Amino acid sequence: MADWTNLTYVVVDIEGNGQQPPDLVEFAAVPIVGGVVGEPMSWLVKPERSIKFYATRIHGLTDKDVMGAPVFADIRGQVLHALNASALVAHNAHVDVGVLSRKLGDWECPEVFDTLKLARRLVPGQQSYKLGALVEMFKLAEGLPEGLSPHRATYDALVAARLFVELANRAVTLEELRGQPAGGGDDEPAALF
């Protein structure tokens, strides 16, 4: 078993309201334990400000869809429980980490692996590194549960989890996954934003 599987990971995806700074309207988390993708957890969230029309065009969620959803404060404990892992994984991670950091305040973000940056490094020469292009290239949507669709948090978190496993297996060692030369080196950055 590759040494990257010694860590526990949580893959996250946030769908936002299109406001600045962005607020979440949907959150999903997928654990990876022992190199195996687990079951997703997801929540619809009523944002503090309305959902902009262009955000709705991307993920399909409207203010009406989240009207009866809890506000973030009501699910904060569940989200913190879902985030309890050695490392966080996301595609274009700085966006998700930024929203979570704002919403969770004193939360200490663990080591971060960004599948966008990992794909650029481990699978060079692709025309696009958008999540959808990588999903197509690696056939990551095959066998997903019915009813999931791109640009919704559960779908995106699940395919990002599958992408991370694909990339991690290409890297072979945790040091390679982190972008460190063999043997590591204490001066190398741990977070891959």
N, C-alpha and C. Protein backbone atom coordinates (compact mmCIF):
# COMPACT_ATOMS: atom_id res chain seq x y z
N MET A 1 0.85 -1.19 0.00
CA MET A 1 0.00 0.00 0.00
C MET A 1 0.90 1.25 0.00
N ALA A 2 0.59 2.21 -0.81
CA ALA A 2 1.38 3.43 -0.92
C ALA A 2 1.31 4.22 0.39
N ASP A 3 2.41 4.92 0.72
CA ASP A 3 2.43 5.62 2.00
C ASP A 3 1.47 6.80 2.09
N TRP A 4 0.99 7.31 0.95
CA TRP A 4 0.02 8.41 1.02
C TRP A 4 -1.27 7.97 1.69
N THR A 5 -1.53 6.66 1.69
CA THR A 5 -2.77 6.15 2.28
C THR A 5 -2.71 6.13 3.81
N ASN A 6 -1.56 6.44 4.40
CA ASN A 6 -1.45 6.49 5.86
C ASN A 6 -2.18 7.69 6.45
N LEU A 7 -2.41 8.73 5.64
CA LEU A 7 -3.15 9.90 6.11
C LEU A 7 -4.64 9.70 5.86
N THR A 8 -5.46 10.38 6.66
CA THR A 8 -6.89 10.44 6.37
C THR A 8 -7.15 11.77 5.67
N TYR A 9 -8.01 11.76 4.69
CA TYR A 9 -8.29 12.94 3.88
C TYR A 9 -9.79 13.22 3.92
N VAL A 10 -10.13 14.49 3.72
CA VAL A 10 -11.52 14.87 3.47
C VAL A 10 -11.51 15.74 2.23
N VAL A 11 -12.29 15.33 1.25
CA VAL A 11 -12.41 16.07 -0.01
C VAL A 11 -13.65 16.94 0.12
N VAL A 12 -13.50 18.23 -0.15
CA VAL A 12 -14.63 19.15 0.03
C VAL A 12 -14.96 19.86 -1.27
N ASP A 13 -16.22 20.26 -1.36
CA ASP A 13 -16.65 21.13 -2.45
C ASP A 13 -17.73 22.04 -1.91
N ILE A 14 -17.64 23.30 -2.32
CA ILE A 14 -18.60 24.32 -1.91
C ILE A 14 -19.21 24.93 -3.16
N GLU A 15 -20.52 25.05 -3.15
CA GLU A 15 -21.22 25.82 -4.17
C GLU A 15 -21.61 27.13 -3.51
N GLY A 16 -21.34 28.23 -4.20
CA GLY A 16 -21.52 29.53 -3.58
C GLY A 16 -22.70 30.31 -4.08
N ASN A 17 -22.89 31.49 -3.46
CA ASN A 17 -24.01 32.36 -3.81
C ASN A 17 -23.65 33.42 -4.84
N GLY A 18 -22.38 33.47 -5.27
CA GLY A 18 -21.96 34.43 -6.27
C GLY A 18 -21.66 35.81 -5.73
N GLN A 19 -21.82 35.99 -4.43
CA GLN A 19 -21.53 37.29 -3.80
C GLN A 19 -20.03 37.41 -3.53
N GLN A 20 -19.59 38.60 -3.18
CA GLN A 20 -18.21 38.82 -2.77
C GLN A 20 -18.20 39.38 -1.36
N PRO A 21 -17.54 38.76 -0.40
CA PRO A 21 -16.90 37.46 -0.54
C PRO A 21 -17.95 36.37 -0.68
N PRO A 22 -17.58 35.24 -1.30
CA PRO A 22 -18.56 34.19 -1.51
C PRO A 22 -19.04 33.55 -0.21
N ASP A 23 -20.30 33.18 -0.21
CA ASP A 23 -20.90 32.46 0.91
C ASP A 23 -21.39 31.13 0.36
N LEU A 24 -21.45 30.12 1.19
CA LEU A 24 -21.85 28.83 0.66
C LEU A 24 -23.36 28.62 0.70
N VAL A 25 -23.83 27.88 -0.31
CA VAL A 25 -25.23 27.48 -0.37
C VAL A 25 -25.35 25.96 -0.36
N GLU A 26 -24.22 25.30 -0.65
CA GLU A 26 -24.17 23.83 -0.58
C GLU A 26 -22.75 23.42 -0.24
N PHE A 27 -22.63 22.45 0.64
CA PHE A 27 -21.33 21.96 1.08
C PHE A 27 -21.35 20.43 1.06
N ALA A 28 -20.29 19.84 0.55
CA ALA A 28 -20.16 18.38 0.57
C ALA A 28 -18.76 18.02 1.03
N ALA A 29 -18.67 16.91 1.75
CA ALA A 29 -17.40 16.38 2.22
C ALA A 29 -17.38 14.87 1.98
N VAL A 30 -16.27 14.38 1.46
CA VAL A 30 -16.11 12.95 1.17
C VAL A 30 -14.81 12.49 1.82
N PRO A 31 -14.89 11.52 2.75
CA PRO A 31 -13.67 11.04 3.38
C PRO A 31 -12.91 10.06 2.46
N ILE A 32 -11.60 10.05 2.62
CA ILE A 32 -10.75 9.02 2.00
C ILE A 32 -9.91 8.44 3.13
N VAL A 33 -10.15 7.18 3.44
CA VAL A 33 -9.44 6.51 4.53
C VAL A 33 -8.80 5.24 3.97
N GLY A 34 -7.51 5.08 4.21
CA GLY A 34 -6.79 3.91 3.69
C GLY A 34 -6.78 3.87 2.17
N GLY A 35 -6.90 5.04 1.54
CA GLY A 35 -6.91 5.11 0.08
C GLY A 35 -8.25 4.81 -0.54
N VAL A 36 -9.29 4.61 0.29
CA VAL A 36 -10.62 4.26 -0.20
C VAL A 36 -11.57 5.44 -0.03
N VAL A 37 -12.27 5.80 -1.11
CA VAL A 37 -13.25 6.89 -1.09
C VAL A 37 -14.49 6.43 -0.33
N GLY A 38 -14.88 7.23 0.68
CA GLY A 38 -16.03 6.89 1.50
C GLY A 38 -17.32 7.52 1.02
N GLU A 39 -18.31 7.50 1.88
CA GLU A 39 -19.64 8.03 1.56
C GLU A 39 -19.68 9.54 1.75
N PRO A 40 -20.30 10.25 0.82
CA PRO A 40 -20.37 11.71 0.93
C PRO A 40 -21.38 12.17 1.99
N MET A 41 -21.09 13.32 2.56
CA MET A 41 -22.02 14.02 3.44
C MET A 41 -22.26 15.37 2.77
N SER A 42 -23.50 15.86 2.77
CA SER A 42 -23.74 17.16 2.14
C SER A 42 -24.88 17.89 2.82
N TRP A 43 -24.82 19.21 2.70
CA TRP A 43 -25.81 20.08 3.30
C TRP A 43 -26.15 21.22 2.35
N LEU A 44 -27.43 21.53 2.25
CA LEU A 44 -27.85 22.80 1.66
C LEU A 44 -27.82 23.81 2.79
N VAL A 45 -27.45 25.04 2.47
CA VAL A 45 -27.31 26.08 3.49
C VAL A 45 -27.99 27.35 3.00
N LYS A 46 -28.73 28.00 3.89
CA LYS A 46 -29.33 29.29 3.56
C LYS A 46 -28.27 30.36 3.78
N PRO A 47 -27.81 31.01 2.70
CA PRO A 47 -26.75 32.01 2.84
C PRO A 47 -27.28 33.30 3.46
N GLU A 48 -26.35 34.13 3.95
CA GLU A 48 -26.73 35.41 4.54
C GLU A 48 -27.27 36.37 3.49
N ARG A 49 -26.75 36.27 2.26
CA ARG A 49 -27.23 37.12 1.16
C ARG A 49 -27.73 36.23 0.03
N SER A 50 -28.56 36.78 -0.83
CA SER A 50 -29.22 36.02 -1.89
C SER A 50 -28.21 35.43 -2.90
N ILE A 51 -28.69 34.45 -3.63
CA ILE A 51 -27.89 33.78 -4.66
C ILE A 51 -27.99 34.60 -5.95
N LYS A 52 -26.86 34.97 -6.49
CA LYS A 52 -26.82 35.74 -7.75
C LYS A 52 -27.23 34.84 -8.91
N PHE A 53 -27.81 35.46 -9.94
CA PHE A 53 -28.33 34.68 -11.08
C PHE A 53 -27.24 33.88 -11.77
N TYR A 54 -26.02 34.42 -11.87
CA TYR A 54 -24.97 33.69 -12.58
C TYR A 54 -24.49 32.49 -11.76
N ALA A 55 -24.60 32.54 -10.44
CA ALA A 55 -24.28 31.36 -9.63
C ALA A 55 -25.34 30.28 -9.87
N THR A 56 -26.60 30.71 -9.94
CA THR A 56 -27.68 29.76 -10.22
C THR A 56 -27.47 29.11 -11.59
N ARG A 57 -27.00 29.87 -12.58
CA ARG A 57 -26.74 29.29 -13.91
C ARG A 57 -25.70 28.18 -13.84
N ILE A 58 -24.78 28.26 -12.90
CA ILE A 58 -23.73 27.23 -12.78
C ILE A 58 -24.25 26.00 -12.04
N HIS A 59 -24.77 26.19 -10.82
CA HIS A 59 -25.15 25.03 -10.01
C HIS A 59 -26.64 24.75 -9.97
N GLY A 60 -27.45 25.66 -10.46
CA GLY A 60 -28.89 25.42 -10.53
C GLY A 60 -29.66 25.71 -9.25
N LEU A 61 -29.00 26.13 -8.18
CA LEU A 61 -29.68 26.39 -6.92
C LEU A 61 -30.18 27.84 -6.87
N THR A 62 -31.41 27.99 -6.38
CA THR A 62 -32.01 29.31 -6.26
C THR A 62 -32.28 29.61 -4.78
N ASP A 63 -32.64 30.85 -4.49
CA ASP A 63 -33.01 31.22 -3.12
C ASP A 63 -34.16 30.35 -2.62
N LYS A 64 -35.08 30.02 -3.51
CA LYS A 64 -36.22 29.18 -3.13
C LYS A 64 -35.75 27.78 -2.70
N ASP A 65 -34.71 27.25 -3.38
CA ASP A 65 -34.20 25.92 -3.04
C ASP A 65 -33.62 25.86 -1.63
N VAL A 66 -33.07 26.97 -1.16
CA VAL A 66 -32.41 26.96 0.16
C VAL A 66 -33.22 27.69 1.22
N MET A 67 -34.43 28.12 0.87
CA MET A 67 -35.26 28.88 1.80
C MET A 67 -35.45 28.14 3.13
N GLY A 68 -35.72 26.85 3.08
CA GLY A 68 -35.94 26.07 4.30
C GLY A 68 -34.70 25.41 4.86
N ALA A 69 -33.55 25.67 4.25
CA ALA A 69 -32.29 25.07 4.70
C ALA A 69 -31.79 25.77 5.95
N PRO A 70 -30.98 25.09 6.75
CA PRO A 70 -30.43 25.73 7.94
C PRO A 70 -29.40 26.80 7.56
N VAL A 71 -29.21 27.77 8.44
CA VAL A 71 -28.11 28.70 8.27
C VAL A 71 -26.84 27.97 8.69
N PHE A 72 -25.69 28.49 8.29
CA PHE A 72 -24.44 27.77 8.54
C PHE A 72 -24.20 27.51 10.03
N ALA A 73 -24.54 28.46 10.87
CA ALA A 73 -24.32 28.30 12.32
C ALA A 73 -25.00 27.04 12.85
N ASP A 74 -26.13 26.64 12.25
CA ASP A 74 -26.87 25.47 12.71
C ASP A 74 -26.19 24.15 12.34
N ILE A 75 -25.33 24.16 11.33
CA ILE A 75 -24.66 22.92 10.92
C ILE A 75 -23.15 22.97 11.18
N ARG A 76 -22.69 24.03 11.81
CA ARG A 76 -21.26 24.23 12.05
C ARG A 76 -20.60 23.01 12.69
N GLY A 77 -21.21 22.46 13.72
CA GLY A 77 -20.66 21.30 14.41
C GLY A 77 -20.54 20.08 13.49
N GLN A 78 -21.56 19.86 12.66
CA GLN A 78 -21.52 18.74 11.72
C GLN A 78 -20.42 18.92 10.68
N VAL A 79 -20.25 20.17 10.21
CA VAL A 79 -19.21 20.47 9.23
C VAL A 79 -17.84 20.25 9.85
N LEU A 80 -17.63 20.72 11.08
CA LEU A 80 -16.34 20.51 11.76
C LEU A 80 -16.06 19.02 11.92
N HIS A 81 -17.08 18.26 12.26
CA HIS A 81 -16.91 16.80 12.39
C HIS A 81 -16.50 16.19 11.03
N ALA A 82 -17.13 16.63 9.95
CA ALA A 82 -16.82 16.12 8.61
C ALA A 82 -15.39 16.50 8.20
N LEU A 83 -14.91 17.64 8.68
CA LEU A 83 -13.57 18.11 8.31
C LEU A 83 -12.46 17.51 9.15
N ASN A 84 -12.80 16.64 10.08
CA ASN A 84 -11.80 16.05 10.97
C ASN A 84 -10.97 15.01 10.21
N ALA A 85 -9.85 15.45 9.65
CA ALA A 85 -8.96 14.58 8.88
C ALA A 85 -7.55 15.16 8.93
N SER A 86 -6.57 14.36 8.52
CA SER A 86 -5.17 14.81 8.49
C SER A 86 -4.94 15.83 7.40
N ALA A 87 -5.72 15.74 6.32
CA ALA A 87 -5.50 16.61 5.17
C ALA A 87 -6.83 16.91 4.49
N LEU A 88 -6.90 18.09 3.89
CA LEU A 88 -8.07 18.52 3.14
C LEU A 88 -7.72 18.52 1.66
N VAL A 89 -8.65 18.08 0.84
CA VAL A 89 -8.45 18.02 -0.61
C VAL A 89 -9.59 18.79 -1.28
N ALA A 90 -9.25 19.56 -2.30
CA ALA A 90 -10.27 20.25 -3.09
C ALA A 90 -9.67 20.62 -4.44
N HIS A 91 -10.53 20.83 -5.41
CA HIS A 91 -10.10 21.28 -6.73
C HIS A 91 -10.14 22.80 -6.72
N ASN A 92 -9.00 23.44 -6.97
CA ASN A 92 -8.85 24.88 -6.84
C ASN A 92 -9.12 25.26 -5.37
N ALA A 93 -8.36 24.63 -4.50
CA ALA A 93 -8.61 24.59 -3.06
C ALA A 93 -8.69 25.93 -2.37
N HIS A 94 -7.98 26.94 -2.86
CA HIS A 94 -7.97 28.21 -2.13
C HIS A 94 -9.37 28.81 -1.99
N VAL A 95 -10.24 28.53 -2.94
CA VAL A 95 -11.61 29.05 -2.88
C VAL A 95 -12.36 28.40 -1.72
N ASP A 96 -12.34 27.07 -1.66
CA ASP A 96 -13.05 26.33 -0.61
C ASP A 96 -12.47 26.64 0.77
N VAL A 97 -11.13 26.65 0.85
CA VAL A 97 -10.47 26.93 2.12
C VAL A 97 -10.81 28.35 2.59
N GLY A 98 -10.85 29.30 1.67
CA GLY A 98 -11.19 30.68 2.02
C GLY A 98 -12.59 30.79 2.61
N VAL A 99 -13.56 30.15 1.97
CA VAL A 99 -14.94 30.20 2.48
C VAL A 99 -15.02 29.51 3.84
N LEU A 100 -14.42 28.33 3.97
CA LEU A 100 -14.47 27.61 5.24
C LEU A 100 -13.79 28.40 6.35
N SER A 101 -12.66 29.01 6.05
CA SER A 101 -11.95 29.81 7.06
C SER A 101 -12.79 30.99 7.54
N ARG A 102 -13.49 31.64 6.61
CA ARG A 102 -14.36 32.76 7.00
C ARG A 102 -15.53 32.28 7.84
N LYS A 103 -16.14 31.15 7.44
CA LYS A 103 -17.33 30.67 8.13
C LYS A 103 -17.01 30.02 9.48
N LEU A 104 -15.83 29.40 9.59
CA LEU A 104 -15.50 28.65 10.81
C LEU A 104 -14.62 29.41 11.78
N GLY A 105 -14.16 30.58 11.40
CA GLY A 105 -13.41 31.42 12.32
C GLY A 105 -12.13 30.81 12.85
N ASP A 106 -12.19 30.16 14.00
CA ASP A 106 -10.99 29.64 14.65
C ASP A 106 -10.57 28.24 14.17
N TRP A 107 -11.19 27.75 13.12
CA TRP A 107 -10.85 26.43 12.56
C TRP A 107 -9.42 26.45 12.05
N GLU A 108 -8.67 25.41 12.40
CA GLU A 108 -7.31 25.27 11.91
C GLU A 108 -7.32 24.32 10.72
N CYS A 109 -7.06 24.88 9.55
CA CYS A 109 -7.07 24.08 8.33
C CYS A 109 -5.88 23.12 8.35
N PRO A 110 -6.13 21.85 8.06
CA PRO A 110 -5.02 20.89 8.00
C PRO A 110 -4.22 21.09 6.70
N GLU A 111 -3.28 20.20 6.48
CA GLU A 111 -2.53 20.21 5.22
C GLU A 111 -3.50 20.16 4.05
N VAL A 112 -3.22 20.90 2.99
CA VAL A 112 -4.13 20.99 1.85
C VAL A 112 -3.49 20.41 0.60
N PHE A 113 -4.25 19.58 -0.11
CA PHE A 113 -3.84 19.07 -1.42
C PHE A 113 -4.85 19.60 -2.44
N ASP A 114 -4.35 20.33 -3.41
CA ASP A 114 -5.19 20.94 -4.44
C ASP A 114 -5.10 20.07 -5.70
N THR A 115 -6.21 19.41 -6.07
CA THR A 115 -6.18 18.52 -7.23
C THR A 115 -5.91 19.25 -8.53
N LEU A 116 -6.23 20.54 -8.59
CA LEU A 116 -5.90 21.33 -9.78
C LEU A 116 -4.38 21.41 -9.94
N LYS A 117 -3.69 21.79 -8.88
CA LYS A 117 -2.23 21.91 -8.93
C LYS A 117 -1.57 20.54 -9.08
N LEU A 118 -2.11 19.54 -8.41
CA LEU A 118 -1.56 18.19 -8.53
C LEU A 118 -1.67 17.69 -9.96
N ALA A 119 -2.82 17.90 -10.59
CA ALA A 119 -3.01 17.44 -11.97
C ALA A 119 -2.05 18.14 -12.91
N ARG A 120 -1.86 19.44 -12.73
CA ARG A 120 -0.92 20.17 -13.58
C ARG A 120 0.49 19.60 -13.45
N ARG A 121 0.87 19.21 -12.24
CA ARG A 121 2.21 18.69 -12.00
C ARG A 121 2.37 17.23 -12.43
N LEU A 122 1.36 16.41 -12.13
CA LEU A 122 1.48 14.97 -12.34
C LEU A 122 0.98 14.48 -13.70
N VAL A 123 0.17 15.30 -14.39
CA VAL A 123 -0.35 14.94 -15.71
C VAL A 123 -0.14 16.15 -16.63
N PRO A 124 1.11 16.47 -16.92
CA PRO A 124 1.39 17.68 -17.71
C PRO A 124 0.88 17.57 -19.15
N GLY A 125 0.71 18.73 -19.77
CA GLY A 125 0.39 18.77 -21.19
C GLY A 125 -1.07 18.66 -21.56
N GLN A 126 -1.98 18.77 -20.59
CA GLN A 126 -3.41 18.69 -20.88
C GLN A 126 -3.91 20.04 -21.40
N GLN A 127 -4.93 20.00 -22.25
CA GLN A 127 -5.51 21.25 -22.75
C GLN A 127 -6.24 22.01 -21.65
N SER A 128 -6.86 21.28 -20.74
CA SER A 128 -7.62 21.90 -19.66
C SER A 128 -7.44 21.10 -18.38
N TYR A 129 -7.39 21.83 -17.28
CA TYR A 129 -7.31 21.20 -15.96
C TYR A 129 -8.58 21.50 -15.16
N LYS A 130 -9.63 21.93 -15.86
CA LYS A 130 -10.91 22.09 -15.19
C LYS A 130 -11.37 20.73 -14.70
N LEU A 131 -12.11 20.71 -13.62
CA LEU A 131 -12.56 19.45 -13.05
C LEU A 131 -13.31 18.61 -14.07
N GLY A 132 -14.20 19.23 -14.84
CA GLY A 132 -14.97 18.50 -15.85
C GLY A 132 -14.10 17.82 -16.89
N ALA A 133 -13.04 18.49 -17.32
CA ALA A 133 -12.13 17.92 -18.32
C ALA A 133 -11.38 16.73 -17.73
N LEU A 134 -10.96 16.83 -16.48
CA LEU A 134 -10.24 15.73 -15.83
C LEU A 134 -11.18 14.56 -15.55
N VAL A 135 -12.43 14.86 -15.21
CA VAL A 135 -13.43 13.81 -15.01
C VAL A 135 -13.59 13.00 -16.29
N GLU A 136 -13.69 13.71 -17.42
CA GLU A 136 -13.82 13.04 -18.71
C GLU A 136 -12.58 12.21 -19.03
N MET A 137 -11.41 12.81 -18.86
CA MET A 137 -10.16 12.15 -19.20
C MET A 137 -9.98 10.83 -18.44
N PHE A 138 -10.26 10.86 -17.13
CA PHE A 138 -10.06 9.67 -16.29
C PHE A 138 -11.33 8.85 -16.09
N LYS A 139 -12.45 9.27 -16.72
CA LYS A 139 -13.73 8.57 -16.60
C LYS A 139 -14.15 8.43 -15.13
N LEU A 140 -14.08 9.53 -14.41
CA LEU A 140 -14.31 9.52 -12.97
C LEU A 140 -15.78 9.52 -12.57
N ALA A 141 -16.68 9.80 -13.50
CA ALA A 141 -18.10 9.84 -13.17
C ALA A 141 -18.78 8.48 -13.33
N GLU A 142 -18.06 7.51 -13.87
CA GLU A 142 -18.67 6.19 -14.09
C GLU A 142 -19.06 5.55 -12.76
N GLY A 143 -20.31 5.07 -12.70
CA GLY A 143 -20.79 4.37 -11.52
C GLY A 143 -21.21 5.26 -10.36
N LEU A 144 -21.30 6.56 -10.58
CA LEU A 144 -21.78 7.44 -9.52
C LEU A 144 -23.28 7.21 -9.31
N PRO A 145 -23.79 7.47 -8.10
CA PRO A 145 -25.22 7.31 -7.85
C PRO A 145 -26.06 8.17 -8.81
N GLU A 146 -27.24 7.68 -9.13
CA GLU A 146 -28.18 8.41 -9.99
C GLU A 146 -28.55 9.74 -9.35
N GLY A 147 -28.83 10.72 -10.19
CA GLY A 147 -29.33 12.00 -9.70
C GLY A 147 -28.25 13.02 -9.38
N LEU A 148 -26.99 12.64 -9.43
CA LEU A 148 -25.92 13.61 -9.19
C LEU A 148 -25.56 14.30 -10.49
N SER A 149 -25.22 15.58 -10.39
CA SER A 149 -24.87 16.31 -11.60
C SER A 149 -23.70 17.25 -11.34
N PRO A 150 -22.92 17.52 -12.40
CA PRO A 150 -21.78 18.43 -12.25
C PRO A 150 -22.20 19.79 -11.69
N HIS A 151 -21.29 20.41 -10.98
CA HIS A 151 -21.47 21.72 -10.35
C HIS A 151 -22.43 21.69 -9.17
N ARG A 152 -22.72 20.50 -8.69
CA ARG A 152 -23.39 20.36 -7.40
C ARG A 152 -22.34 19.77 -6.46
N ALA A 153 -22.40 20.13 -5.20
CA ALA A 153 -21.33 19.83 -4.25
C ALA A 153 -21.03 18.34 -4.12
N THR A 154 -22.04 17.49 -4.02
CA THR A 154 -21.79 16.06 -3.82
C THR A 154 -21.09 15.45 -5.03
N TYR A 155 -21.59 15.75 -6.23
CA TYR A 155 -20.95 15.25 -7.45
C TYR A 155 -19.51 15.71 -7.52
N ASP A 156 -19.28 17.02 -7.37
CA ASP A 156 -17.94 17.57 -7.51
C ASP A 156 -16.99 17.02 -6.45
N ALA A 157 -17.46 16.84 -5.22
CA ALA A 157 -16.60 16.29 -4.17
C ALA A 157 -16.26 14.82 -4.46
N LEU A 158 -17.24 14.05 -4.93
CA LEU A 158 -16.98 12.64 -5.25
C LEU A 158 -15.99 12.49 -6.40
N VAL A 159 -16.16 13.24 -7.47
CA VAL A 159 -15.23 13.11 -8.60
C VAL A 159 -13.86 13.67 -8.24
N ALA A 160 -13.82 14.71 -7.40
CA ALA A 160 -12.53 15.23 -6.94
C ALA A 160 -11.82 14.19 -6.05
N ALA A 161 -12.59 13.46 -5.26
CA ALA A 161 -12.00 12.38 -4.44
C ALA A 161 -11.42 11.29 -5.34
N ARG A 162 -12.15 10.91 -6.36
CA ARG A 162 -11.65 9.91 -7.30
C ARG A 162 -10.42 10.43 -8.04
N LEU A 163 -10.43 11.71 -8.40
CA LEU A 163 -9.29 12.32 -9.07
C LEU A 163 -8.07 12.31 -8.14
N PHE A 164 -8.28 12.65 -6.88
CA PHE A 164 -7.17 12.66 -5.92
C PHE A 164 -6.54 11.27 -5.81
N VAL A 165 -7.36 10.24 -5.70
CA VAL A 165 -6.84 8.86 -5.60
C VAL A 165 -6.05 8.51 -6.86
N GLU A 166 -6.57 8.87 -8.02
CA GLU A 166 -5.88 8.63 -9.30
C GLU A 166 -4.51 9.32 -9.29
N LEU A 167 -4.48 10.58 -8.89
CA LEU A 167 -3.23 11.34 -8.89
C LEU A 167 -2.27 10.85 -7.80
N ALA A 168 -2.82 10.53 -6.64
CA ALA A 168 -1.98 10.04 -5.54
C ALA A 168 -1.31 8.73 -5.92
N ASN A 169 -2.02 7.86 -6.61
CA ASN A 169 -1.42 6.60 -7.04
C ASN A 169 -0.34 6.81 -8.10
N ARG A 170 -0.46 7.87 -8.87
CA ARG A 170 0.60 8.20 -9.83
C ARG A 170 1.84 8.71 -9.11
N ALA A 171 1.64 9.44 -8.02
CA ALA A 171 2.75 10.03 -7.28
C ALA A 171 3.53 8.96 -6.51
N VAL A 172 2.86 7.91 -6.10
CA VAL A 172 3.42 6.77 -5.37
C VAL A 172 3.75 7.10 -3.92
N THR A 173 4.59 8.10 -3.66
CA THR A 173 4.94 8.41 -2.27
C THR A 173 4.29 9.72 -1.83
N LEU A 174 4.17 9.87 -0.54
CA LEU A 174 3.60 11.09 0.02
C LEU A 174 4.48 12.29 -0.31
N GLU A 175 5.79 12.12 -0.30
CA GLU A 175 6.70 13.23 -0.63
C GLU A 175 6.47 13.69 -2.07
N GLU A 176 6.31 12.72 -2.99
CA GLU A 176 6.03 13.09 -4.39
C GLU A 176 4.69 13.81 -4.50
N LEU A 177 3.71 13.34 -3.76
CA LEU A 177 2.39 13.95 -3.78
C LEU A 177 2.48 15.39 -3.27
N ARG A 178 3.30 15.60 -2.27
CA ARG A 178 3.49 16.94 -1.72
C ARG A 178 4.37 17.81 -2.61
N GLY A 179 5.00 17.20 -3.62
CA GLY A 179 5.88 17.95 -4.50
C GLY A 179 7.27 18.12 -3.93
N GLN A 180 7.62 17.24 -2.99
CA GLN A 180 8.92 17.31 -2.35
C GLN A 180 9.85 16.28 -2.96
N PRO A 181 11.15 16.58 -3.00
CA PRO A 181 12.10 15.58 -3.45
C PRO A 181 12.13 14.43 -2.44
N ALA A 182 12.58 13.26 -2.88
CA ALA A 182 12.66 12.10 -1.98
C ALA A 182 13.43 12.50 -0.74
N GLY A 183 12.93 12.11 0.42
CA GLY A 183 13.56 12.49 1.67
C GLY A 183 12.91 13.72 2.28
N GLY A 184 12.07 14.41 1.52
CA GLY A 184 11.30 15.53 2.06
C GLY A 184 12.08 16.81 2.14
N GLY A 185 12.50 17.16 3.31
CA GLY A 185 13.15 18.45 3.52
C GLY A 185 12.24 19.32 4.35
N ASP A 186 12.74 19.74 5.50
CA ASP A 186 11.91 20.50 6.43
C ASP A 186 11.53 21.87 5.92
N ASP A 187 12.28 22.38 4.94
CA ASP A 187 11.98 23.73 4.46
C ASP A 187 10.95 23.76 3.36
N GLU A 188 10.42 22.62 2.97
CA GLU A 188 9.40 22.57 1.92
C GLU A 188 8.04 22.92 2.49
N PRO A 189 7.21 23.66 1.76
CA PRO A 189 5.86 23.98 2.26
C PRO A 189 4.99 22.75 2.29
N ALA A 190 4.21 22.62 3.36
CA ALA A 190 3.33 21.45 3.50
C ALA A 190 2.02 21.67 2.76
N ALA A 191 1.49 22.87 2.78
CA ALA A 191 0.20 23.13 2.16
C ALA A 191 0.40 23.44 0.67
N LEU A 192 -0.43 22.83 -0.15
CA LEU A 192 -0.31 23.02 -1.60
C LEU A 192 -1.47 23.87 -2.10
N PHE A 193 -1.49 25.13 -1.75
CA PHE A 193 -2.53 26.03 -2.24
C PHE A 193 -2.08 26.53 -3.58
